Protein backbone atom coordinates (compact mmCIF):
# COMPACT_ATOMS: atom_id res chain seq x y z
CA MET A 1 6.47 1.51 -16.48
CA ALA A 2 8.28 0.13 -13.46
CA GLY A 3 7.67 0.42 -9.75
CA HIS A 4 8.74 -1.14 -6.45
CA SER A 5 6.54 -1.94 -3.44
CA VAL A 6 3.68 0.58 -3.40
CA GLY A 7 5.09 1.87 -6.69
CA GLY A 8 4.55 -1.62 -8.12
CA PHE A 9 0.94 -1.43 -7.02
CA CYS A 10 0.64 2.00 -8.66
CA VAL A 11 2.00 0.60 -11.93
CA PHE A 12 -0.74 -2.07 -11.91
CA TRP A 13 -3.42 0.47 -11.01
CA PHE A 14 -2.37 2.94 -13.72
CA ALA A 15 -2.17 0.19 -16.35
CA ILE A 16 -5.68 -0.97 -15.50
CA GLN A 17 -7.06 2.56 -15.62
CA HIS A 18 -5.16 3.61 -18.80
CA PRO A 19 -4.34 0.49 -20.85
CA GLU A 20 -4.01 2.49 -24.07
CA GLU A 21 -1.12 4.49 -22.56
CA VAL A 22 0.93 1.53 -21.29
CA LYS A 23 3.05 -0.72 -23.46
CA ALA A 24 4.58 -2.82 -20.65
CA ILE A 25 4.83 -2.92 -16.87
CA ALA A 26 7.55 -4.17 -14.54
CA PRO A 27 6.22 -4.29 -10.98
CA ILE A 28 9.02 -5.25 -8.57
CA SER A 29 7.88 -6.74 -5.25
CA PRO A 30 4.48 -5.02 -5.40
CA VAL A 31 2.34 -4.90 -2.30
CA VAL A 32 -0.37 -7.52 -2.00
CA SER A 33 -4.08 -6.78 -2.22
CA GLY A 34 -5.67 -4.87 0.62
CA GLU A 35 -7.80 -7.86 1.49
CA LEU A 36 -4.79 -10.16 1.85
CA PHE A 37 -2.70 -7.46 3.55
CA SER A 38 -5.44 -6.79 6.11
CA ARG A 39 -5.58 -10.49 7.05
CA THR A 40 -1.93 -10.62 8.16
CA LYS A 41 -1.36 -11.02 11.91
CA GLU A 42 0.27 -7.61 12.25
CA MET A 43 -2.53 -5.81 10.42
CA SER A 44 -5.38 -7.65 12.08
CA GLU A 45 -4.13 -6.21 15.40
CA VAL A 46 -4.11 -2.56 14.23
CA LEU A 47 -6.75 -2.49 11.49
CA GLU A 48 -9.75 -1.45 13.61
CA SER A 49 -7.89 1.43 15.24
CA TRP A 50 -6.47 2.48 11.86
CA LYS A 51 -9.95 2.51 10.33
CA ASN A 52 -11.43 4.51 13.23
CA THR A 53 -8.71 7.18 13.27
CA GLY A 54 -8.19 7.24 9.50
CA ILE A 55 -4.41 7.17 9.86
CA ARG A 56 -1.74 4.76 11.07
CA GLU A 57 1.42 6.09 12.68
CA TRP A 58 4.55 4.16 13.62
CA GLU A 59 8.22 4.86 14.18
CA SER A 60 10.66 3.96 11.42
CA THR A 61 12.94 1.06 12.27
CA SER A 62 15.66 2.28 9.90
CA LYS A 63 15.54 5.93 11.03
CA PRO A 64 14.70 6.07 14.76
CA GLY A 65 12.79 9.23 15.65
CA LEU A 66 11.14 9.43 12.21
CA MET A 67 7.40 8.86 12.37
CA LYS A 68 5.66 7.28 9.40
CA ARG A 69 2.02 8.03 8.61
CA LEU A 70 -0.31 6.26 6.23
CA LYS A 71 -3.98 7.07 5.61
CA TYR A 72 -6.56 4.29 5.81
CA ASP A 73 -7.37 5.11 2.17
CA PHE A 74 -4.34 2.93 1.36
CA ILE A 75 -6.31 -0.15 2.47
CA GLU A 76 -9.53 0.92 0.75
CA ASP A 77 -7.75 1.78 -2.52
CA SER A 78 -5.96 -1.56 -2.63
CA TYR A 79 -9.09 -3.73 -2.58
């Protein structure tokens, strides 16, 4: 199994949950743990609001006008 970014995290998660089904993993630049991610300067500024609303929204820098949305479950699932 291989995955990049959040996909890399998913590869780890799946392998932990189903070790008998995975022969090898190749996570490429996986995201860091939720605990470490939430301690970054950027996240510490938005984390409380994100937790209260349950969703984080921001405009894409590569595609102006496109809004990105991510549920707070992302943080909880990555701990």
